[in-house]
Amino acid sequence: MPSARRNGRRRRSRATSVETLAALGPAPVPPAALRDPDPVVRASAAAALGGRPPAERLAQLPPLLHDPLRAVRIAAARSLADIPEAQLEPEVRTRRRALLADFVAAQQAMADMPSAQFNLAALARVEGDAEGAERHYRRAIEREPGFQAARLGLATLLAAHGREDEAGEALRAGLPVSAD
C-alpha cells in the first residue's frame, strides 16, 4: 500500500478517535491531539473540547486561535463561543469575535443549504440567542423537511423554553417525512 494512503488512513483514524472520545462524554481530550501535525486531528480536538469545562477550554484552546489552518481556528473559536467575554483575555476575546464573524459569514454565503442554517442555529444556541437559534433551525427544516437533526434541535430548544406543545409538533411534523 502506498505510504500516502496509509498516512491518510492513520490521520482519519486519529481524528475519528478524538471525535469518538468526545461522543462518549466528558472524557478529557488528549493534549497531544491539539498539537498533532494533522489539521483534521487538531480541528477534531478543538471541537471535542467544546463539551469540556470552561477552565479547561480556556487553558487549551487559545493557541489554536492562531493555527495556520482556518478550520482549526474556527473550531477553537466555536468551542469558546459560550464563555462570557469577561472571562476571556482581551486578545482571546478579539480573536474569538473575529473568527466567529468569519464562520458566520462563511455559513451565510451558503445560506440556501440546510447544513449552514443548522450550523448558525447551533452557534446562536451556545451564544444564548434562542430567537436566532429557532429562526435558523426553522430555515434548515424549510430547506430540507427531512433534516431530523434540525427538528430535534428545534424541539429541544422549544422544550427548554417551556414550549413543549410546539416541540412535540415540530417532532410530529417530521414523522411523515422520515418515513419516506
C-alpha atoms as a PDB file:
ATOM      1  CA  MET A   1       0.000   0.000   0.000  1.00  0.00           C
ATOM      2  CA  PRO A   2       1.413   3.410  -0.866  1.00  0.00           C
ATOM      3  CA  SER A   3       2.561   5.372   2.145  1.00  0.00           C
ATOM      4  CA  ALA A   4       0.320   8.372   1.320  1.00  0.00           C
ATOM      5  CA  ARG A   5      -2.783   6.174   1.553  1.00  0.00           C
ATOM      6  CA  ARG A   6      -1.540   4.561   4.757  1.00  0.00           C
ATOM      7  CA  ASN A   7      -0.805   8.002   6.266  1.00  0.00           C
ATOM      8  CA  GLY A   8      -4.255   9.241   5.229  1.00  0.00           C
ATOM      9  CA  ARG A   9      -5.877   6.307   6.989  1.00  0.00           C
ATOM     10  CA  ARG A  10      -3.822   6.940  10.128  1.00  0.00           C
ATOM     11  CA  ARG A  11      -4.819  10.626  10.136  1.00  0.00           C
ATOM     12  CA  ARG A  12      -8.511   9.784   9.725  1.00  0.00           C
ATOM     13  CA  SER A  13      -8.168   7.180  12.449  1.00  0.00           C
ATOM     14  CA  ARG A  14      -6.619   9.695  14.886  1.00  0.00           C
ATOM     15  CA  ALA A  15      -9.291  12.297  14.105  1.00  0.00           C
ATOM     16  CA  THR A  16     -12.057   9.709  14.463  1.00  0.00           C
ATOM     17  CA  SER A  17     -10.579   8.582  17.767  1.00  0.00           C
ATOM     18  CA  VAL A  18     -10.708  12.135  19.124  1.00  0.00           C
ATOM     19  CA  GLU A  19     -14.318  12.522  17.939  1.00  0.00           C
ATOM     20  CA  THR A  20     -15.271   9.171  19.469  1.00  0.00           C
ATOM     21  CA  LEU A  21     -13.763  10.146  22.819  1.00  0.00           C
ATOM     22  CA  ALA A  22     -15.807  13.352  22.780  1.00  0.00           C
ATOM     23  CA  ALA A  23     -19.010  11.467  21.963  1.00  0.00           C
ATOM     24  CA  LEU A  24     -18.502   9.158  24.935  1.00  0.00           C
ATOM     25  CA  GLY A  25     -18.937  12.028  27.344  1.00  0.00           C
ATOM     26  CA  PRO A  26     -16.806  14.340  29.380  1.00  0.00           C
ATOM     27  CA  ALA A  27     -13.530  12.496  28.942  1.00  0.00           C
ATOM     28  CA  PRO A  28     -10.515  14.763  28.578  1.00  0.00           C
ATOM     29  CA  VAL A  29      -9.120  15.413  25.129  1.00  0.00           C
ATOM     30  CA  PRO A  30      -5.531  14.217  24.832  1.00  0.00           C
ATOM     31  CA  PRO A  31      -3.323  17.349  24.800  1.00  0.00           C
ATOM     32  CA  ALA A  32      -1.182  15.813  22.056  1.00  0.00           C
ATOM     33  CA  ALA A  33      -4.216  15.947  19.732  1.00  0.00           C
ATOM     34  CA  LEU A  34      -4.134  19.748  19.947  1.00  0.00           C
ATOM     35  CA  ARG A  35      -0.547  19.731  18.681  1.00  0.00           C
ATOM     36  CA  ASP A  36      -0.930  16.950  16.124  1.00  0.00           C
ATOM     37  CA  PRO A  37       0.699  17.698  12.754  1.00  0.00           C
ATOM     38  CA  ASP A  38      -2.578  16.802  11.023  1.00  0.00           C
ATOM     39  CA  PRO A  39      -5.020  19.728  10.974  1.00  0.00           C
ATOM     40  CA  VAL A  40      -8.008  17.350  10.869  1.00  0.00           C
ATOM     41  CA  VAL A  41      -6.926  15.935  14.223  1.00  0.00           C
ATOM     42  CA  ARG A  42      -6.385  19.431  15.667  1.00  0.00           C
ATOM     43  CA  ALA A  43      -9.809  20.590  14.443  1.00  0.00           C
ATOM     44  CA  SER A  44     -11.468  17.470  15.870  1.00  0.00           C
ATOM     45  CA  ALA A  45      -9.718  18.023  19.193  1.00  0.00           C
ATOM     46  CA  ALA A  46     -10.787  21.669  19.275  1.00  0.00           C
ATOM     47  CA  ALA A  47     -14.391  20.689  18.560  1.00  0.00           C
ATOM     48  CA  ALA A  48     -14.275  17.912  21.155  1.00  0.00           C
ATOM     49  CA  LEU A  49     -13.119  20.369  23.793  1.00  0.00           C
ATOM     50  CA  GLY A  50     -16.371  22.280  23.309  1.00  0.00           C
ATOM     51  CA  GLY A  51     -18.050  19.977  25.811  1.00  0.00           C
ATOM     52  CA  ARG A  52     -15.398  20.360  28.479  1.00  0.00           C
ATOM     53  CA  PRO A  53     -15.487  22.785  31.440  1.00  0.00           C
ATOM     54  CA  PRO A  54     -14.688  26.435  30.625  1.00  0.00           C
ATOM     55  CA  ALA A  55     -11.450  26.460  32.630  1.00  0.00           C
ATOM     56  CA  GLU A  56     -10.104  23.523  30.640  1.00  0.00           C
ATOM     57  CA  ARG A  57     -11.079  25.126  27.328  1.00  0.00           C
ATOM     58  CA  LEU A  58      -9.541  28.446  28.333  1.00  0.00           C
ATOM     59  CA  ALA A  59      -6.307  26.663  29.234  1.00  0.00           C
ATOM     60  CA  GLN A  60      -6.049  24.647  25.998  1.00  0.00           C
ATOM     61  CA  LEU A  61      -7.806  26.397  23.108  1.00  0.00           C
ATOM     62  CA  PRO A  62      -6.312  29.910  22.823  1.00  0.00           C
ATOM     63  CA  PRO A  63      -3.179  28.730  20.960  1.00  0.00           C
ATOM     64  CA  LEU A  64      -5.412  27.136  18.306  1.00  0.00           C
ATOM     65  CA  LEU A  65      -6.950  30.542  17.586  1.00  0.00           C
ATOM     66  CA  HIS A  66      -3.654  31.190  15.748  1.00  0.00           C
ATOM     67  CA  ASP A  67      -3.434  27.849  13.935  1.00  0.00           C
ATOM     68  CA  PRO A  68      -2.260  28.070  10.307  1.00  0.00           C
ATOM     69  CA  LEU A  69      -5.492  26.400   9.132  1.00  0.00           C
ATOM     70  CA  ARG A  70      -8.736  28.389   9.190  1.00  0.00           C
ATOM     71  CA  ALA A  71     -10.877  25.329  10.013  1.00  0.00           C
ATOM     72  CA  VAL A  72      -8.850  24.691  13.172  1.00  0.00           C
ATOM     73  CA  ARG A  73      -9.063  28.344  14.219  1.00  0.00           C
ATOM     74  CA  ILE A  74     -12.828  28.380  13.717  1.00  0.00           C
ATOM     75  CA  ALA A  75     -13.314  25.079  15.578  1.00  0.00           C
ATOM     76  CA  ALA A  76     -11.417  26.551  18.527  1.00  0.00           C
ATOM     77  CA  ALA A  77     -13.471  29.762  18.427  1.00  0.00           C
ATOM     78  CA  ARG A  78     -16.743  27.798  18.284  1.00  0.00           C
ATOM     79  CA  SER A  79     -15.660  25.783  21.319  1.00  0.00           C
ATOM     80  CA  LEU A  80     -15.119  29.040  23.188  1.00  0.00           C
ATOM     81  CA  ALA A  81     -18.369  30.647  21.984  1.00  0.00           C
ATOM     82  CA  ASP A  82     -20.374  30.123  25.184  1.00  0.00           C
ATOM     83  CA  ILE A  83     -17.757  31.584  27.517  1.00  0.00           C
ATOM     84  CA  PRO A  84     -18.678  35.130  28.609  1.00  0.00           C
ATOM     85  CA  GLU A  85     -16.399  37.805  27.185  1.00  0.00           C
ATOM     86  CA  ALA A  86     -15.490  38.995  30.680  1.00  0.00           C
ATOM     87  CA  GLN A  87     -13.753  35.639  31.298  1.00  0.00           C
ATOM     88  CA  LEU A  88     -11.550  35.968  28.220  1.00  0.00           C
ATOM     89  CA  GLU A  89      -8.224  37.695  27.932  1.00  0.00           C
ATOM     90  CA  PRO A  90      -8.568  40.730  25.620  1.00  0.00           C
ATOM     91  CA  GLU A  91      -6.560  39.128  22.802  1.00  0.00           C
ATOM     92  CA  VAL A  92      -8.582  35.890  23.009  1.00  0.00           C
ATOM     93  CA  ARG A  93     -11.817  37.885  23.043  1.00  0.00           C
ATOM     94  CA  THR A  94     -10.771  39.773  19.902  1.00  0.00           C
ATOM     95  CA  ARG A  95      -9.642  36.625  18.054  1.00  0.00           C
ATOM     96  CA  ARG A  96     -12.770  34.698  19.029  1.00  0.00           C
ATOM     97  CA  ARG A  97     -15.033  37.533  17.894  1.00  0.00           C
ATOM     98  CA  ALA A  98     -13.253  37.822  14.525  1.00  0.00           C
ATOM     99  CA  LEU A  99     -13.214  34.072  13.912  1.00  0.00           C
ATOM    100  CA  LEU A 100     -16.884  33.655  14.811  1.00  0.00           C
ATOM    101  CA  ALA A 101     -17.732  36.509  12.448  1.00  0.00           C
ATOM    102  CA  ASP A 102     -15.713  34.698   9.767  1.00  0.00           C
ATOM    103  CA  PHE A 103     -17.634  31.481  10.488  1.00  0.00           C
ATOM    104  CA  VAL A 104     -20.991  33.264  10.298  1.00  0.00           C
ATOM    105  CA  ALA A 105     -20.017  34.924   7.011  1.00  0.00           C
ATOM    106  CA  ALA A 106     -18.998  31.559   5.541  1.00  0.00           C
ATOM    107  CA  GLN A 107     -22.287  29.984   6.628  1.00  0.00           C
ATOM    108  CA  GLN A 108     -24.304  32.926   5.302  1.00  0.00           C
ATOM    109  CA  ALA A 109     -22.564  32.555   1.952  1.00  0.00           C
ATOM    110  CA  MET A 110     -24.152  29.087   1.840  1.00  0.00           C
ATOM    111  CA  ALA A 111     -27.454  30.175   3.424  1.00  0.00           C
ATOM    112  CA  ASP A 112     -29.505  28.142   0.978  1.00  0.00           C
ATOM    113  CA  MET A 113     -28.010  24.936   2.385  1.00  0.00           C
ATOM    114  CA  PRO A 114     -29.798  23.349   5.363  1.00  0.00           C
ATOM    115  CA  SER A 115     -26.476  22.465   6.980  1.00  0.00           C
ATOM    116  CA  ALA A 116     -25.434  26.131   7.019  1.00  0.00           C
ATOM    117  CA  GLN A 117     -28.678  27.075   8.751  1.00  0.00           C
ATOM    118  CA  PHE A 118     -28.146  24.244  11.231  1.00  0.00           C
ATOM    119  CA  ASN A 119     -24.602  25.457  11.956  1.00  0.00           C
ATOM    120  CA  LEU A 120     -25.881  29.009  12.506  1.00  0.00           C
ATOM    121  CA  ALA A 121     -28.593  27.660  14.825  1.00  0.00           C
ATOM    122  CA  ALA A 122     -26.036  25.727  16.858  1.00  0.00           C
ATOM    123  CA  LEU A 123     -23.839  28.804  17.224  1.00  0.00           C
ATOM    124  CA  ALA A 124     -26.783  31.028  18.160  1.00  0.00           C
ATOM    125  CA  ARG A 125     -27.820  28.479  20.745  1.00  0.00           C
ATOM    126  CA  VAL A 126     -24.454  28.297  22.507  1.00  0.00           C
ATOM    127  CA  GLU A 127     -24.259  32.087  22.419  1.00  0.00           C
ATOM    128  CA  GLY A 128     -27.603  32.214  24.248  1.00  0.00           C
ATOM    129  CA  ASP A 129     -29.588  33.614  21.303  1.00  0.00           C
ATOM    130  CA  ALA A 130     -32.708  31.428  21.470  1.00  0.00           C
ATOM    131  CA  GLU A 131     -34.611  33.507  18.895  1.00  0.00           C
ATOM    132  CA  GLY A 132     -31.758  33.288  16.414  1.00  0.00           C
ATOM    133  CA  ALA A 133     -31.379  29.563  17.007  1.00  0.00           C
ATOM    134  CA  GLU A 134     -35.088  28.969  16.453  1.00  0.00           C
ATOM    135  CA  ARG A 135     -35.066  31.050  13.257  1.00  0.00           C
ATOM    136  CA  HIS A 136     -32.118  29.101  11.818  1.00  0.00           C
ATOM    137  CA  TYR A 137     -33.497  25.682  12.841  1.00  0.00           C
ATOM    138  CA  ARG A 138     -36.775  26.562  11.107  1.00  0.00           C
ATOM    139  CA  ARG A 139     -34.928  27.715   7.987  1.00  0.00           C
ATOM    140  CA  ALA A 140     -32.976  24.438   7.902  1.00  0.00           C
ATOM    141  CA  ILE A 141     -36.243  22.494   8.114  1.00  0.00           C
ATOM    142  CA  GLU A 142     -37.849  24.654   5.405  1.00  0.00           C
ATOM    143  CA  ARG A 143     -34.939  23.883   3.087  1.00  0.00           C
ATOM    144  CA  GLU A 144     -34.859  20.177   3.950  1.00  0.00           C
ATOM    145  CA  PRO A 145     -38.025  18.891   5.676  1.00  0.00           C
ATOM    146  CA  GLY A 146     -36.322  15.542   6.369  1.00  0.00           C
ATOM    147  CA  PHE A 147     -33.416  17.128   8.289  1.00  0.00           C
ATOM    148  CA  GLN A 148     -34.152  15.346  11.553  1.00  0.00           C
ATOM    149  CA  ALA A 149     -31.187  16.800  13.449  1.00  0.00           C
ATOM    150  CA  ALA A 150     -32.639  20.278  12.842  1.00  0.00           C
ATOM    151  CA  ARG A 151     -36.059  19.095  14.015  1.00  0.00           C
ATOM    152  CA  LEU A 152     -34.553  17.610  17.140  1.00  0.00           C
ATOM    153  CA  GLY A 153     -32.546  20.781  17.786  1.00  0.00           C
ATOM    154  CA  LEU A 154     -35.666  22.908  17.364  1.00  0.00           C
ATOM    155  CA  ALA A 155     -37.744  20.640  19.597  1.00  0.00           C
ATOM    156  CA  THR A 156     -35.077  20.601  22.290  1.00  0.00           C
ATOM    157  CA  LEU A 157     -34.795  24.392  22.164  1.00  0.00           C
ATOM    158  CA  LEU A 158     -38.560  24.875  22.332  1.00  0.00           C
ATOM    159  CA  ALA A 159     -38.936  22.425  25.231  1.00  0.00           C
ATOM    160  CA  ALA A 160     -36.115  24.115  27.128  1.00  0.00           C
ATOM    161  CA  HIS A 161     -38.096  27.351  26.913  1.00  0.00           C
ATOM    162  CA  GLY A 162     -41.353  25.809  28.154  1.00  0.00           C
ATOM    163  CA  ARG A 163     -42.899  25.401  24.718  1.00  0.00           C
ATOM    164  CA  GLU A 164     -43.491  21.651  24.955  1.00  0.00           C
ATOM    165  CA  ASP A 165     -46.564  21.619  22.693  1.00  0.00           C
ATOM    166  CA  GLU A 166     -44.626  23.303  19.898  1.00  0.00           C
ATOM    167  CA  ALA A 167     -41.706  20.964  20.496  1.00  0.00           C
ATOM    168  CA  GLY A 168     -43.953  17.939  20.116  1.00  0.00           C
ATOM    169  CA  GLU A 169     -45.460  19.379  16.941  1.00  0.00           C
ATOM    170  CA  ALA A 170     -42.011  20.003  15.457  1.00  0.00           C
ATOM    171  CA  LEU A 171     -41.149  16.337  16.010  1.00  0.00           C
ATOM    172  CA  ARG A 172     -44.511  15.001  14.823  1.00  0.00           C
ATOM    173  CA  ALA A 173     -44.287  17.076  11.634  1.00  0.00           C
ATOM    174  CA  GLY A 174     -41.086  15.218  10.793  1.00  0.00           C
ATOM    175  CA  LEU A 175     -42.531  11.721  11.168  1.00  0.00           C
ATOM    176  CA  PRO A 176     -44.149  11.532   7.718  1.00  0.00           C
ATOM    177  CA  VAL A 177     -41.001  12.944   6.128  1.00  0.00           C
ATOM    178  CA  SER A 178     -38.672  10.485   7.863  1.00  0.00           C
ATOM    179  CA  ALA A 179     -40.917   7.544   6.924  1.00  0.00           C
ATOM    180  CA  ASP A 180     -40.310   8.244   3.212  1.00  0.00           C
END
